[in-house]
Amino acid sequence: MGWFRQAPGKEREFVIAISWSGGNTYYADS
């Protein structure tokens, strides 16, 4: 599962995601 965000006029941006087990996560630097 992941979360993305998008401002008007901009591309969709990756925010954060998690693996099926919850054991692995990945974050945008921001």
PDB file of all heavy atoms in Angstrom:
ATOM      1  N   MET A   1       0.847  -1.193   0.000  1.00  0.00           N
ATOM      2  CA  MET A   1       0.000   0.000   0.000  1.00  0.00           C
ATOM      3  C   MET A   1       0.877   1.235   0.000  1.00  0.00           C
ATOM      4  O   MET A   1       1.903   1.282   0.688  1.00  0.00           O
ATOM      5  CB  MET A   1      -0.888   0.016   1.249  1.00  0.00           C
ATOM      6  CG  MET A   1      -1.797  -1.181   1.386  1.00  0.00           C
ATOM      7  SD  MET A   1      -3.026  -1.284   0.072  1.00  0.00           S
ATOM      8  CE  MET A   1      -3.958   0.217   0.359  1.00  0.00           C
ATOM      9  N   GLY A   2       0.457   2.221  -0.755  1.00  0.00           N
ATOM     10  CA  GLY A   2       1.228   3.453  -0.822  1.00  0.00           C
ATOM     11  C   GLY A   2       0.350   4.677  -0.744  1.00  0.00           C
ATOM     12  O   GLY A   2      -0.862   4.601  -0.970  1.00  0.00           O
ATOM     13  N   TRP A   3       0.982   5.777  -0.411  1.00  0.00           N
ATOM     14  CA  TRP A   3       0.325   7.076  -0.433  1.00  0.00           C
ATOM     15  C   TRP A   3       1.101   7.989  -1.388  1.00  0.00           C
ATOM     16  O   TRP A   3       2.339   8.050  -1.344  1.00  0.00           O
ATOM     17  CB  TRP A   3       0.301   7.710   0.954  1.00  0.00           C
ATOM     18  CG  TRP A   3      -0.648   7.086   1.916  1.00  0.00           C
ATOM     19  CD1 TRP A   3      -0.384   6.090   2.810  1.00  0.00           C
ATOM     20  CD2 TRP A   3      -2.033   7.406   2.081  1.00  0.00           C
ATOM     21  NE1 TRP A   3      -1.507   5.778   3.524  1.00  0.00           N
ATOM     22  CE2 TRP A   3      -2.536   6.568   3.105  1.00  0.00           C
ATOM     23  CE3 TRP A   3      -2.902   8.319   1.494  1.00  0.00           C
ATOM     24  CZ2 TRP A   3      -3.864   6.618   3.538  1.00  0.00           C
ATOM     25  CZ3 TRP A   3      -4.218   8.371   1.919  1.00  0.00           C
ATOM     26  CH2 TRP A   3      -4.679   7.526   2.929  1.00  0.00           C
ATOM     27  N   PHE A   4       0.351   8.675  -2.206  1.00  0.00           N
ATOM     28  CA  PHE A   4       0.901   9.674  -3.117  1.00  0.00           C
ATOM     29  C   PHE A   4       0.148  10.973  -2.889  1.00  0.00           C
ATOM     30  O   PHE A   4      -0.925  10.982  -2.284  1.00  0.00           O
ATOM     31  CB  PHE A   4       0.726   9.225  -4.568  1.00  0.00           C
ATOM     32  CG  PHE A   4       1.591   8.059  -4.960  1.00  0.00           C
ATOM     33  CD1 PHE A   4       1.297   6.773  -4.534  1.00  0.00           C
ATOM     34  CD2 PHE A   4       2.711   8.242  -5.754  1.00  0.00           C
ATOM     35  CE1 PHE A   4       2.093   5.693  -4.888  1.00  0.00           C
ATOM     36  CE2 PHE A   4       3.519   7.176  -6.121  1.00  0.00           C
ATOM     37  CZ  PHE A   4       3.201   5.891  -5.681  1.00  0.00           C
ATOM     38  N   ARG A   5       0.699  12.047  -3.391  1.00  0.00           N
ATOM     39  CA  ARG A   5      -0.011  13.321  -3.311  1.00  0.00           C
ATOM     40  C   ARG A   5       0.203  14.096  -4.598  1.00  0.00           C
ATOM     41  O   ARG A   5       1.206  13.904  -5.295  1.00  0.00           O
ATOM     42  CB  ARG A   5       0.458  14.139  -2.106  1.00  0.00           C
ATOM     43  CG  ARG A   5       1.918  14.531  -2.124  1.00  0.00           C
ATOM     44  CD  ARG A   5       2.320  15.131  -0.778  1.00  0.00           C
ATOM     45  NE  ARG A   5       3.696  15.587  -0.764  1.00  0.00           N
ATOM     46  CZ  ARG A   5       4.324  16.028   0.327  1.00  0.00           C
ATOM     47  NH1 ARG A   5       3.684  16.072   1.499  1.00  0.00           N
ATOM     48  NH2 ARG A   5       5.574  16.439   0.236  1.00  0.00           N
ATOM     49  N   GLN A   6      -0.756  14.954  -4.877  1.00  0.00           N
ATOM     50  CA  GLN A   6      -0.705  15.707  -6.127  1.00  0.00           C
ATOM     51  C   GLN A   6      -1.287  17.087  -5.944  1.00  0.00           C
ATOM     52  O   GLN A   6      -2.452  17.229  -5.543  1.00  0.00           O
ATOM     53  CB  GLN A   6      -1.455  14.961  -7.232  1.00  0.00           C
ATOM     54  CG  GLN A   6      -1.290  15.572  -8.602  1.00  0.00           C
ATOM     55  CD  GLN A   6      -1.846  14.666  -9.698  1.00  0.00           C
ATOM     56  OE1 GLN A   6      -2.664  13.782  -9.444  1.00  0.00           O
ATOM     57  NE2 GLN A   6      -1.395  14.878 -10.913  1.00  0.00           N
ATOM     58  N   ALA A   7      -0.485  18.078  -6.237  1.00  0.00           N
ATOM     59  CA  ALA A   7      -0.940  19.466  -6.218  1.00  0.00           C
ATOM     60  C   ALA A   7      -1.436  19.840  -7.610  1.00  0.00           C
ATOM     61  O   ALA A   7      -1.015  19.236  -8.608  1.00  0.00           O
ATOM     62  CB  ALA A   7       0.206  20.374  -5.798  1.00  0.00           C
ATOM     63  N   PRO A   8      -2.303  20.839  -7.718  1.00  0.00           N
ATOM     64  CA  PRO A   8      -2.810  21.264  -9.034  1.00  0.00           C
ATOM     65  C   PRO A   8      -1.669  21.622  -9.976  1.00  0.00           C
ATOM     66  O   PRO A   8      -0.746  22.358  -9.617  1.00  0.00           O
ATOM     67  CB  PRO A   8      -3.655  22.489  -8.691  1.00  0.00           C
ATOM     68  CG  PRO A   8      -4.067  22.282  -7.284  1.00  0.00           C
ATOM     69  CD  PRO A   8      -2.903  21.592  -6.619  1.00  0.00           C
ATOM     70  N   GLY A   9      -1.717  21.064 -11.185  1.00  0.00           N
ATOM     71  CA  GLY A   9      -0.714  21.381 -12.188  1.00  0.00           C
ATOM     72  C   GLY A   9       0.608  20.662 -12.025  1.00  0.00           C
ATOM     73  O   GLY A   9       1.543  20.906 -12.783  1.00  0.00           O
ATOM     74  N   LYS A  10       0.693  19.776 -11.044  1.00  0.00           N
ATOM     75  CA  LYS A  10       1.941  19.053 -10.804  1.00  0.00           C
ATOM     76  C   LYS A  10       1.722  17.553 -10.942  1.00  0.00           C
ATOM     77  O   LYS A  10       0.604  17.065 -10.886  1.00  0.00           O
ATOM     78  CB  LYS A  10       2.479  19.382  -9.408  1.00  0.00           C
ATOM     79  CG  LYS A  10       2.914  20.831  -9.240  1.00  0.00           C
ATOM     80  CD  LYS A  10       3.620  21.034  -7.920  1.00  0.00           C
ATOM     81  CE  LYS A  10       4.144  22.458  -7.777  1.00  0.00           C
ATOM     82  NZ  LYS A  10       4.879  22.659  -6.508  1.00  0.00           N
ATOM     83  N   GLU A  11       2.828  16.831 -11.105  1.00  0.00           N
ATOM     84  CA  GLU A  11       2.754  15.381 -11.207  1.00  0.00           C
ATOM     85  C   GLU A  11       2.472  14.761  -9.834  1.00  0.00           C
ATOM     86  O   GLU A  11       2.775  15.348  -8.800  1.00  0.00           O
ATOM     87  CB  GLU A  11       4.062  14.823 -11.761  1.00  0.00           C
ATOM     88  CG  GLU A  11       4.332  15.197 -13.207  1.00  0.00           C
ATOM     89  CD  GLU A  11       5.523  14.467 -13.775  1.00  0.00           C
ATOM     90  OE1 GLU A  11       6.202  13.736 -13.023  1.00  0.00           O
ATOM     91  OE2 GLU A  11       5.802  14.631 -14.974  1.00  0.00           O
ATOM     92  N   ARG A  12       1.904  13.564  -9.890  1.00  0.00           N
ATOM     93  CA  ARG A  12       1.650  12.838  -8.656  1.00  0.00           C
ATOM     94  C   ARG A  12       2.988  12.446  -8.025  1.00  0.00           C
ATOM     95  O   ARG A  12       3.868  11.920  -8.694  1.00  0.00           O
ATOM     96  CB  ARG A  12       0.790  11.618  -8.942  1.00  0.00           C
ATOM     97  CG  ARG A  12       0.195  10.979  -7.723  1.00  0.00           C
ATOM     98  CD  ARG A  12      -0.959  10.057  -8.083  1.00  0.00           C
ATOM     99  NE  ARG A  12      -2.098  10.815  -8.575  1.00  0.00           N
ATOM    100  CZ  ARG A  12      -3.295  10.277  -8.827  1.00  0.00           C
ATOM    101  NH1 ARG A  12      -3.473   8.977  -8.621  1.00  0.00           N
ATOM    102  NH2 ARG A  12      -4.284  11.011  -9.281  1.00  0.00           N
ATOM    103  N   GLU A  13       3.100  12.678  -6.754  1.00  0.00           N
ATOM    104  CA  GLU A  13       4.369  12.528  -6.039  1.00  0.00           C
ATOM    105  C   GLU A  13       4.264  11.400  -5.006  1.00  0.00           C
ATOM    106  O   GLU A  13       3.297  11.344  -4.232  1.00  0.00           O
ATOM    107  CB  GLU A  13       4.698  13.848  -5.333  1.00  0.00           C
ATOM    108  CG  GLU A  13       5.885  13.824  -4.410  1.00  0.00           C
ATOM    109  CD  GLU A  13       5.978  15.063  -3.527  1.00  0.00           C
ATOM    110  OE1 GLU A  13       4.961  15.756  -3.349  1.00  0.00           O
ATOM    111  OE2 GLU A  13       7.078  15.332  -3.008  1.00  0.00           O
ATOM    112  N   PHE A  14       5.272  10.531  -4.975  1.00  0.00           N
ATOM    113  CA  PHE A  14       5.316   9.473  -3.977  1.00  0.00           C
ATOM    114  C   PHE A  14       5.544  10.068  -2.591  1.00  0.00           C
ATOM    115  O   PHE A  14       6.370  10.969  -2.411  1.00  0.00           O
ATOM    116  CB  PHE A  14       6.437   8.498  -4.306  1.00  0.00           C
ATOM    117  CG  PHE A  14       6.710   7.500  -3.213  1.00  0.00           C
ATOM    118  CD1 PHE A  14       5.864   6.428  -3.019  1.00  0.00           C
ATOM    119  CD2 PHE A  14       7.798   7.650  -2.371  1.00  0.00           C
ATOM    120  CE1 PHE A  14       6.108   5.505  -2.000  1.00  0.00           C
ATOM    121  CE2 PHE A  14       8.057   6.753  -1.353  1.00  0.00           C
ATOM    122  CZ  PHE A  14       7.205   5.670  -1.171  1.00  0.00           C
ATOM    123  N   VAL A  15       4.829   9.540  -1.597  1.00  0.00           N
ATOM    124  CA  VAL A  15       4.992   9.989  -0.221  1.00  0.00           C
ATOM    125  C   VAL A  15       5.573   8.886   0.653  1.00  0.00           C
ATOM    126  O   VAL A  15       6.615   9.051   1.289  1.00  0.00           O
ATOM    127  CB  VAL A  15       3.644  10.466   0.365  1.00  0.00           C
ATOM    128  CG1 VAL A  15       3.818  10.873   1.837  1.00  0.00           C
ATOM    129  CG2 VAL A  15       3.076  11.617  -0.454  1.00  0.00           C
ATOM    130  N   ILE A  16       4.892   7.735   0.661  1.00  0.00           N
ATOM    131  CA  ILE A  16       5.251   6.696   1.617  1.00  0.00           C
ATOM    132  C   ILE A  16       4.573   5.398   1.203  1.00  0.00           C
ATOM    133  O   ILE A  16       3.525   5.434   0.549  1.00  0.00           O
ATOM    134  CB  ILE A  16       4.802   7.139   3.038  1.00  0.00           C
ATOM    135  CG1 ILE A  16       5.524   6.386   4.135  1.00  0.00           C
ATOM    136  CG2 ILE A  16       3.303   7.058   3.179  1.00  0.00           C
ATOM    137  CD1 ILE A  16       5.295   7.009   5.523  1.00  0.00           C
ATOM    138  N   ALA A  17       5.180   4.255   1.550  1.00  0.00           N
ATOM    139  CA  ALA A  17       4.565   2.979   1.195  1.00  0.00           C
ATOM    140  C   ALA A  17       4.966   1.909   2.203  1.00  0.00           C
ATOM    141  O   ALA A  17       5.983   2.037   2.895  1.00  0.00           O
ATOM    142  CB  ALA A  17       4.970   2.568  -0.220  1.00  0.00           C
ATOM    143  N   ILE A  18       4.179   0.837   2.215  1.00  0.00           N
ATOM    144  CA  ILE A  18       4.405  -0.232   3.175  1.00  0.00           C
ATOM    145  C   ILE A  18       4.148  -1.575   2.509  1.00  0.00           C
ATOM    146  O   ILE A  18       3.242  -1.703   1.678  1.00  0.00           O
ATOM    147  CB  ILE A  18       3.492  -0.043   4.416  1.00  0.00           C
ATOM    148  CG1 ILE A  18       3.847  -1.016   5.535  1.00  0.00           C
ATOM    149  CG2 ILE A  18       2.018  -0.136   4.035  1.00  0.00           C
ATOM    150  CD1 ILE A  18       3.175  -0.662   6.875  1.00  0.00           C
ATOM    151  N   SER A  19       4.953  -2.570   2.853  1.00  0.00           N
ATOM    152  CA  SER A  19       4.778  -3.897   2.284  1.00  0.00           C
ATOM    153  C   SER A  19       3.569  -4.593   2.888  1.00  0.00           C
ATOM    154  O   SER A  19       2.995  -4.128   3.877  1.00  0.00           O
ATOM    155  CB  SER A  19       6.033  -4.739   2.532  1.00  0.00           C
ATOM    156  OG  SER A  19       6.232  -4.906   3.930  1.00  0.00           O
ATOM    157  N   TRP A  20       3.210  -5.731   2.312  1.00  0.00           N
ATOM    158  CA  TRP A  20       1.995  -6.418   2.758  1.00  0.00           C
ATOM    159  C   TRP A  20       2.058  -6.791   4.236  1.00  0.00           C
ATOM    160  O   TRP A  20       1.052  -6.755   4.935  1.00  0.00           O
ATOM    161  CB  TRP A  20       1.776  -7.676   1.927  1.00  0.00           C
ATOM    162  CG  TRP A  20       2.674  -8.812   2.326  1.00  0.00           C
ATOM    163  CD1 TRP A  20       3.934  -9.070   1.890  1.00  0.00           C
ATOM    164  CD2 TRP A  20       2.368  -9.836   3.288  1.00  0.00           C
ATOM    165  NE1 TRP A  20       4.438 -10.178   2.512  1.00  0.00           N
ATOM    166  CE2 TRP A  20       3.499 -10.679   3.366  1.00  0.00           C
ATOM    167  CE3 TRP A  20       1.254 -10.130   4.076  1.00  0.00           C
ATOM    168  CZ2 TRP A  20       3.546 -11.794   4.210  1.00  0.00           C
ATOM    169  CZ3 TRP A  20       1.301 -11.238   4.915  1.00  0.00           C
ATOM    170  CH2 TRP A  20       2.449 -12.059   4.976  1.00  0.00           C
ATOM    171  N   SER A  21       3.247  -7.125   4.733  1.00  0.00           N
ATOM    172  CA  SER A  21       3.390  -7.568   6.109  1.00  0.00           C
ATOM    173  C   SER A  21       3.582  -6.400   7.075  1.00  0.00           C
ATOM    174  O   SER A  21       3.492  -6.566   8.289  1.00  0.00           O
ATOM    175  CB  SER A  21       4.600  -8.493   6.231  1.00  0.00           C
ATOM    176  OG  SER A  21       5.800  -7.768   5.994  1.00  0.00           O
ATOM    177  N   GLY A  22       3.882  -5.224   6.535  1.00  0.00           N
ATOM    178  CA  GLY A  22       4.237  -4.098   7.391  1.00  0.00           C
ATOM    179  C   GLY A  22       5.704  -4.091   7.761  1.00  0.00           C
ATOM    180  O   GLY A  22       6.176  -3.183   8.450  1.00  0.00           O
ATOM    181  N   GLY A  23       6.445  -5.085   7.302  1.00  0.00           N
ATOM    182  CA  GLY A  23       7.839  -5.214   7.687  1.00  0.00           C
ATOM    183  C   GLY A  23       8.788  -4.342   6.906  1.00  0.00           C
ATOM    184  O   GLY A  23       9.953  -4.178   7.284  1.00  0.00           O
ATOM    185  N   ASN A  24       8.310  -3.781   5.825  1.00  0.00           N
ATOM    186  CA  ASN A  24       9.157  -2.948   4.983  1.00  0.00           C
ATOM    187  C   ASN A  24       8.409  -1.675   4.624  1.00  0.00           C
ATOM    188  O   ASN A  24       7.268  -1.734   4.169  1.00  0.00           O
ATOM    189  CB  ASN A  24       9.537  -3.721   3.713  1.00  0.00           C
ATOM    190  CG  ASN A  24      10.683  -3.103   2.979  1.00  0.00           C
ATOM    191  OD1 ASN A  24      11.415  -2.282   3.524  1.00  0.00           O
ATOM    192  ND2 ASN A  24      10.883  -3.498   1.749  1.00  0.00           N
ATOM    193  N   THR A  25       9.057  -0.550   4.848  1.00  0.00           N
ATOM    194  CA  THR A  25       8.452   0.731   4.513  1.00  0.00           C
ATOM    195  C   THR A  25       9.446   1.584   3.743  1.00  0.00           C
ATOM    196  O   THR A  25      10.660   1.367   3.834  1.00  0.00           O
ATOM    197  CB  THR A  25       8.002   1.504   5.768  1.00  0.00           C
ATOM    198  OG1 THR A  25       9.124   1.656   6.655  1.00  0.00           O
ATOM    199  CG2 THR A  25       6.895   0.765   6.492  1.00  0.00           C
ATOM    200  N   TYR A  26       8.927   2.518   3.002  1.00  0.00           N
ATOM    201  CA  TYR A  26       9.789   3.414   2.228  1.00  0.00           C
ATOM    202  C   TYR A  26       9.185   4.810   2.287  1.00  0.00           C
ATOM    203  O   TYR A  26       7.978   4.975   2.120  1.00  0.00           O
ATOM    204  CB  TYR A  26       9.905   2.932   0.788  1.00  0.00           C
ATOM    205  CG  TYR A  26      11.082   3.510   0.069  1.00  0.00           C
ATOM    206  CD1 TYR A  26      12.342   2.931   0.177  1.00  0.00           C
ATOM    207  CD2 TYR A  26      10.960   4.653  -0.707  1.00  0.00           C
ATOM    208  CE1 TYR A  26      13.425   3.476  -0.471  1.00  0.00           C
ATOM    209  CE2 TYR A  26      12.039   5.203  -1.343  1.00  0.00           C
ATOM    210  CZ  TYR A  26      13.273   4.613  -1.228  1.00  0.00           C
ATOM    211  OH  TYR A  26      14.351   5.160  -1.862  1.00  0.00           O
ATOM    212  N   TYR A  27      10.040   5.811   2.519  1.00  0.00           N
ATOM    213  CA  TYR A  27       9.587   7.175   2.707  1.00  0.00           C
ATOM    214  C   TYR A  27      10.245   8.097   1.689  1.00  0.00           C
ATOM    215  O   TYR A  27      11.425   7.948   1.384  1.00  0.00           O
ATOM    216  CB  TYR A  27       9.983   7.685   4.090  1.00  0.00           C
ATOM    217  CG  TYR A  27       9.430   6.920   5.256  1.00  0.00           C
ATOM    218  CD1 TYR A  27       9.928   5.670   5.606  1.00  0.00           C
ATOM    219  CD2 TYR A  27       8.412   7.462   6.030  1.00  0.00           C
ATOM    220  CE1 TYR A  27       9.418   4.988   6.689  1.00  0.00           C
ATOM    221  CE2 TYR A  27       7.904   6.793   7.118  1.00  0.00           C
ATOM    222  CZ  TYR A  27       8.407   5.551   7.438  1.00  0.00           C
ATOM    223  OH  TYR A  27       7.903   4.869   8.514  1.00  0.00           O
ATOM    224  N   ALA A  28       9.510   9.074   1.220  1.00  0.00           N
ATOM    225  CA  ALA A  28      10.125  10.152   0.454  1.00  0.00           C
ATOM    226  C   ALA A  28      10.961  10.998   1.408  1.00  0.00           C
ATOM    227  O   ALA A  28      10.604  11.161   2.587  1.00  0.00           O
ATOM    228  CB  ALA A  28       9.049  11.018  -0.199  1.00  0.00           C
ATOM    229  N   ASP A  29      12.060  11.530   0.926  1.00  0.00           N
ATOM    230  CA  ASP A  29      12.941  12.333   1.785  1.00  0.00           C
ATOM    231  C   ASP A  29      12.199  13.498   2.423  1.00  0.00           C
ATOM    232  O   ASP A  29      12.479  13.886   3.555  1.00  0.00           O
ATOM    233  CB  ASP A  29      14.125  12.859   0.971  1.00  0.00           C
ATOM    234  CG  ASP A  29      15.119  11.768   0.620  1.00  0.00           C
ATOM    235  OD1 ASP A  29      15.079  10.699   1.260  1.00  0.00           O
ATOM    236  OD2 ASP A  29      15.927  11.978  -0.299  1.00  0.00           O
ATOM    237  N   SER A  30      11.235  14.038   1.709  1.00  0.00           N
ATOM    238  CA  SER A  30      10.535  15.224   2.185  1.00  0.00           C
ATOM    239  C   SER A  30       9.663  14.968   3.405  1.00  0.00           C
ATOM    240  O   SER A  30       9.262  15.917   4.093  1.00  0.00           O
ATOM    241  CB  SER A  30       9.672  15.805   1.062  1.00  0.00           C
ATOM    242  OG  SER A  30       8.740  14.840   0.620  1.00  0.00           O
TER     243      SER A  30
END
